C-alpha atoms as a PDB file:
ATOM      1  CA  MET A   1      18.269   6.000  -1.360  1.00  0.00           C
ATOM      2  CA  LEU A   2      16.092   3.205  -2.615  1.00  0.00           C
ATOM      3  CA  ILE A   3      15.429   0.268  -0.279  1.00  0.00           C
ATOM      4  CA  ARG A   4      14.584  -3.083  -1.819  1.00  0.00           C
ATOM      5  CA  GLU A   5      13.423  -2.045  -5.284  1.00  0.00           C
ATOM      6  CA  GLN A   6      10.723  -4.631  -5.938  1.00  0.00           C
ATOM      7  CA  PRO A   7       8.709  -4.187  -2.696  1.00  0.00           C
ATOM      8  CA  ALA A   8       9.116  -0.401  -2.773  1.00  0.00           C
ATOM      9  CA  THR A   9       7.852  -0.312  -6.402  1.00  0.00           C
ATOM     10  CA  GLU A  10       4.951  -2.672  -5.681  1.00  0.00           C
ATOM     11  CA  LEU A  11       3.878  -0.570  -2.653  1.00  0.00           C
ATOM     12  CA  THR A  12       4.195   2.648  -4.665  1.00  0.00           C
ATOM     13  CA  VAL A  13       2.011   1.263  -7.505  1.00  0.00           C
ATOM     14  CA  ALA A  14      -0.655  -0.001  -5.068  1.00  0.00           C
ATOM     15  CA  THR A  15      -0.675   3.316  -3.187  1.00  0.00           C
ATOM     16  CA  ARG A  16      -0.992   5.380  -6.394  1.00  0.00           C
ATOM     17  CA  ILE A  17      -3.853   3.164  -7.616  1.00  0.00           C
ATOM     18  CA  LEU A  18      -5.654   3.523  -4.281  1.00  0.00           C
ATOM     19  CA  ALA A  19      -5.127   7.316  -4.242  1.00  0.00           C
ATOM     20  CA  ARG A  20      -6.511   7.584  -7.799  1.00  0.00           C
ATOM     21  CA  ALA A  21      -9.567   5.543  -6.814  1.00  0.00           C
ATOM     22  CA  GLY A  22     -10.161   7.558  -3.650  1.00  0.00           C
ATOM     23  CA  ALA A  23      -9.926   4.278  -1.721  1.00  0.00           C
ATOM     24  CA  LEU A  24      -7.557   5.522   1.001  1.00  0.00           C
ATOM     25  CA  ALA A  25      -8.504   7.676   3.980  1.00  0.00           C
ATOM     26  CA  PRO A  26      -7.154  11.258   3.675  1.00  0.00           C
ATOM     27  CA  GLU A  27      -4.029  10.300   5.689  1.00  0.00           C
ATOM     28  CA  GLY A  28      -4.473   6.589   5.026  1.00  0.00           C
ATOM     29  CA  ARG A  29      -1.773   4.225   3.822  1.00  0.00           C
ATOM     30  CA  ILE A  30      -1.275   0.729   2.690  1.00  0.00           C
ATOM     31  CA  THR A  31       1.596  -1.416   3.988  1.00  0.00           C
ATOM     32  CA  LEU A  32       3.619  -4.316   2.837  1.00  0.00           C
ATOM     33  CA  ARG A  33       5.080  -6.846   5.249  1.00  0.00           C
ATOM     34  CA  LEU A  34       7.996  -9.053   4.270  1.00  0.00           C
ATOM     35  CA  HIS A  35       8.892 -11.385   7.122  1.00  0.00           C
ATOM     36  CA  ASP A  36       9.690  -9.118  10.113  1.00  0.00           C
ATOM     37  CA  VAL A  37       9.943  -5.826   8.201  1.00  0.00           C
ATOM     38  CA  LEU A  38       7.077  -3.515   7.418  1.00  0.00           C
ATOM     39  CA  TYR A  39       7.236  -1.108   4.453  1.00  0.00           C
ATOM     40  CA  VAL A  40       5.103   2.018   4.332  1.00  0.00           C
ATOM     41  CA  ALA A  41       5.109   5.531   2.853  1.00  0.00           C
ATOM     42  CA  GLY A  42       7.180   7.889   4.946  1.00  0.00           C
ATOM     43  CA  ARG A  43       5.993  10.915   6.876  1.00  0.00           C
ATOM     44  CA  GLY A  44       4.604  13.730   4.766  1.00  0.00           C
ATOM     45  CA  VAL A  45       4.491  11.719   1.556  1.00  0.00           C
ATOM     46  CA  SER A  46       1.494  12.281  -0.761  1.00  0.00           C
ATOM     47  CA  SER A  47      -0.238   9.093  -1.871  1.00  0.00           C
ATOM     48  CA  HIS A  48      -0.748  10.626  -5.330  1.00  0.00           C
ATOM     49  CA  THR A  49       2.916  11.391  -6.029  1.00  0.00           C
ATOM     50  CA  MET A  50       4.784   8.938  -3.881  1.00  0.00           C
ATOM     51  CA  THR A  51       7.821   7.167  -5.400  1.00  0.00           C
ATOM     52  CA  PRO A  52       9.734   4.046  -4.366  1.00  0.00           C
ATOM     53  CA  TYR A  53      12.268   6.385  -2.751  1.00  0.00           C
ATOM     54  CA  ASP A  54       9.647   7.559  -0.261  1.00  0.00           C
ATOM     55  CA  ILE A  55       9.233   4.145   1.367  1.00  0.00           C
ATOM     56  CA  VAL A  56      10.456   3.573   4.913  1.00  0.00           C
ATOM     57  CA  SER A  57      11.082   0.247   6.584  1.00  0.00           C
ATOM     58  CA  ILE A  58      10.141  -0.581  10.173  1.00  0.00           C
ATOM     59  CA  LEU A  59      10.935  -3.577  12.345  1.00  0.00           C
ATOM     60  CA  LEU A  60       7.571  -5.193  13.044  1.00  0.00           C
ATOM     61  CA  ALA A  61       8.550  -6.592  16.428  1.00  0.00           C
ATOM     62  CA  ASP A  62       8.796  -3.224  18.121  1.00  0.00           C
ATOM     63  CA  GLY A  63       8.136  -0.511  15.513  1.00  0.00           C
ATOM     64  CA  THR A  64      11.723   0.606  15.298  1.00  0.00           C
ATOM     65  CA  PRO A  65      12.493   2.477  12.117  1.00  0.00           C
ATOM     66  CA  LEU A  66      15.182   0.778  10.055  1.00  0.00           C
ATOM     67  CA  PHE A  67      15.278   3.335   7.265  1.00  0.00           C
ATOM     68  CA  GLY A  68      13.524   6.638   6.838  1.00  0.00           C
ATOM     69  CA  VAL A  69      11.087   8.569   8.925  1.00  0.00           C
ATOM     70  CA  PRO A  70       7.831   6.696   9.465  1.00  0.00           C
ATOM     71  CA  PRO A  71       4.402   8.421   9.497  1.00  0.00           C
ATOM     72  CA  ASP A  72       3.007   9.562  12.798  1.00  0.00           C
ATOM     73  CA  ASP A  73       0.322   6.869  12.805  1.00  0.00           C
ATOM     74  CA  VAL A  74       2.644   3.982  12.073  1.00  0.00           C
ATOM     75  CA  ASP A  75       1.860   2.345  15.423  1.00  0.00           C
ATOM     76  CA  GLU A  76      -1.710   1.669  14.180  1.00  0.00           C
ATOM     77  CA  TYR A  77      -0.417  -0.221  11.201  1.00  0.00           C
ATOM     78  CA  VAL A  78       2.095  -2.161  13.255  1.00  0.00           C
ATOM     79  CA  ALA A  79      -0.691  -3.129  15.649  1.00  0.00           C
ATOM     80  CA  ALA A  80      -2.945  -4.199  12.786  1.00  0.00           C
ATOM     81  CA  HIS A  81      -0.161  -6.476  11.495  1.00  0.00           C
ATOM     82  CA  ARG A  82       0.304  -7.962  14.918  1.00  0.00           C
ATOM     83  CA  ASP A  83      -3.453  -8.640  15.173  1.00  0.00           C
ATOM     84  CA  ALA A  84      -3.584 -10.131  11.652  1.00  0.00           C
ATOM     85  CA  ARG A  85      -0.404 -12.255  11.797  1.00  0.00           C
ATOM     86  CA  GLY A  86      -0.986 -13.860   8.407  1.00  0.00           C
ATOM     87  CA  ALA A  87      -1.551 -10.598   6.594  1.00  0.00           C
ATOM     88  CA  GLU A  88       1.063  -9.356   4.176  1.00  0.00           C
ATOM     89  CA  SER A  89      -0.696  -6.047   3.816  1.00  0.00           C
ATOM     90  CA  VAL A  90      -3.064  -3.698   5.737  1.00  0.00           C
ATOM     91  CA  GLY A  91      -4.568  -0.461   4.550  1.00  0.00           C
ATOM     92  CA  ARG A  92      -6.856   2.222   5.939  1.00  0.00           C
ATOM     93  CA  GLY A  93      -9.792   2.673   3.609  1.00  0.00           C
ATOM     94  CA  SER A  94     -11.580   5.868   2.703  1.00  0.00           C
ATOM     95  CA  ASP A  95     -14.178   4.992   5.398  1.00  0.00           C
ATOM     96  CA  GLY A  96     -11.410   4.814   8.041  1.00  0.00           C
ATOM     97  CA  VAL A  97     -11.601   1.030   8.463  1.00  0.00           C
ATOM     98  CA  ILE A  98      -8.400  -0.935   8.415  1.00  0.00           C
ATOM     99  CA  VAL A  99      -8.438  -3.875   6.020  1.00  0.00           C
ATOM    100  CA  ALA A 100      -5.982  -6.754   6.221  1.00  0.00           C
ATOM    101  CA  ALA A 101      -5.237  -9.259   3.440  1.00  0.00           C
ATOM    102  CA  LEU A 102      -2.888 -12.104   2.599  1.00  0.00           C
ATOM    103  CA  SER A 103      -1.230 -10.055  -0.178  1.00  0.00           C
ATOM    104  CA  LEU A 104      -0.686  -6.447  -1.196  1.00  0.00           C
ATOM    105  CA  ARG A 105      -2.815  -6.932  -4.286  1.00  0.00           C
ATOM    106  CA  ALA A 106      -5.613  -8.540  -2.335  1.00  0.00           C
ATOM    107  CA  CYS A 107      -5.586  -5.644   0.161  1.00  0.00           C
ATOM    108  CA  ALA A 108      -5.553  -3.022  -2.589  1.00  0.00           C
ATOM    109  CA  THR A 109      -8.372  -4.626  -4.534  1.00  0.00           C
ATOM    110  CA  ALA A 110     -10.399  -5.060  -1.386  1.00  0.00           C
ATOM    111  CA  LEU A 111     -10.010  -1.348  -0.537  1.00  0.00           C
ATOM    112  CA  VAL A 112     -11.061  -0.360  -4.049  1.00  0.00           C
ATOM    113  CA  ALA A 113     -14.062  -2.638  -3.892  1.00  0.00           C
ATOM    114  CA  ARG A 114     -15.006  -1.290  -0.456  1.00  0.00           C
ATOM    115  CA  ARG A 115     -14.837   2.292  -1.861  1.00  0.00           C
ATOM    116  CA  ARG A 116     -17.110   1.289  -4.712  1.00  0.00           C
ATOM    117  CA  GLY A 117     -19.527  -0.556  -2.434  1.00  0.00           C
ATOM    118  CA  GLU A 118     -18.862  -3.862  -4.173  1.00  0.00           C
ATOM    119  CA  PRO A 119     -17.747  -7.187  -2.813  1.00  0.00           C
ATOM    120  CA  GLY A 120     -14.009  -7.772  -3.153  1.00  0.00           C
ATOM    121  CA  PRO A 121     -12.769 -10.054  -5.949  1.00  0.00           C
ATOM    122  CA  ASP A 122     -12.519 -13.742  -5.272  1.00  0.00           C
ATOM    123  CA  ALA A 123      -9.137 -15.488  -5.484  1.00  0.00           C
ATOM    124  CA  ALA A 124      -9.795 -16.655  -9.076  1.00  0.00           C
ATOM    125  CA  SER A 125     -10.388 -13.082 -10.364  1.00  0.00           C
ATOM    126  CA  LEU A 126      -7.882 -11.199  -8.175  1.00  0.00           C
ATOM    127  CA  GLU A 127      -5.106 -10.968 -10.773  1.00  0.00           C
ATOM    128  CA  ARG A 128      -7.529  -9.904 -13.535  1.00  0.00           C
ATOM    129  CA  VAL A 129      -8.971  -7.129 -11.351  1.00  0.00           C
ATOM    130  CA  TRP A 130      -5.443  -6.027 -10.356  1.00  0.00           C
ATOM    131  CA  GLU A 131      -4.259  -5.913 -13.974  1.00  0.00           C
ATOM    132  CA  GLU A 132      -7.317  -3.807 -14.897  1.00  0.00           C
ATOM    133  CA  LEU A 133      -6.529  -1.371 -12.070  1.00  0.00           C
ATOM    134  CA  VAL A 134      -2.890  -1.070 -13.169  1.00  0.00           C
ATOM    135  CA  ALA A 135      -3.906  -0.569 -16.823  1.00  0.00           C
ATOM    136  CA  ASP A 136      -6.393   2.135 -15.909  1.00  0.00           C
ATOM    137  CA  ALA A 137      -3.833   3.857 -13.738  1.00  0.00           C
ATOM    138  CA  ARG A 138      -1.223   3.756 -16.464  1.00  0.00           C
ATOM    139  CA  ILE A 139      -3.584   5.211 -19.079  1.00  0.00           C
ATOM    140  CA  SER A 140      -4.580   8.045 -16.746  1.00  0.00           C
ATOM    141  CA  GLY A 141      -0.948   8.865 -16.031  1.00  0.00           C
ATOM    142  CA  ALA A 142      -1.328   8.037 -12.336  1.00  0.00           C
ATOM    143  CA  LEU A 143       1.830   5.813 -12.428  1.00  0.00           C
ATOM    144  CA  ILE A 144       4.193   8.357 -14.026  1.00  0.00           C
ATOM    145  CA  GLY A 145       7.273   8.338 -11.780  1.00  0.00           C
ATOM    146  CA  ALA A 146       6.086   5.319  -9.798  1.00  0.00           C
ATOM    147  CA  PHE A 147       8.922   3.158 -11.085  1.00  0.00           C
ATOM    148  CA  PRO A 148      12.576   3.791 -10.141  1.00  0.00           C
ATOM    149  CA  ASN A 149      13.781   3.421 -13.749  1.00  0.00           C
ATOM    150  CA  ASP A 150      11.300   5.970 -15.134  1.00  0.00           C
ATOM    151  CA  PRO A 151      13.097   8.804 -16.914  1.00  0.00           C
END
């Protein structure tokens, strides 16, 4: 079953881009928060092959799963969101550090920049950097199956 197609697809695309870039810790994830619900890849899901159908939802207030089986370390991500109340997204980078950002794209681009040892993009160039990451991932085939309407 697919939960909320748009956020599940956006989270899948971001996760696949981060996996391709080596920007996530081996068991790291990126999350998407919408109001009081947290979306994250489910337990046992590979970041390289995840689909929108692999997304689970969790109630942020107490970590209660709403749909699916959350990963074992979900409490760390819930706690990170509680600490960074304004963050829409948090992710565990390849260096093990949790990064929080105001948007999913900002978090993903910050994690890629961190992996590359570069400063993250400023607000003015965020969308350009994101579009470049998506284009590179599409060309490499990293996004095959990342969209629910893919054949």
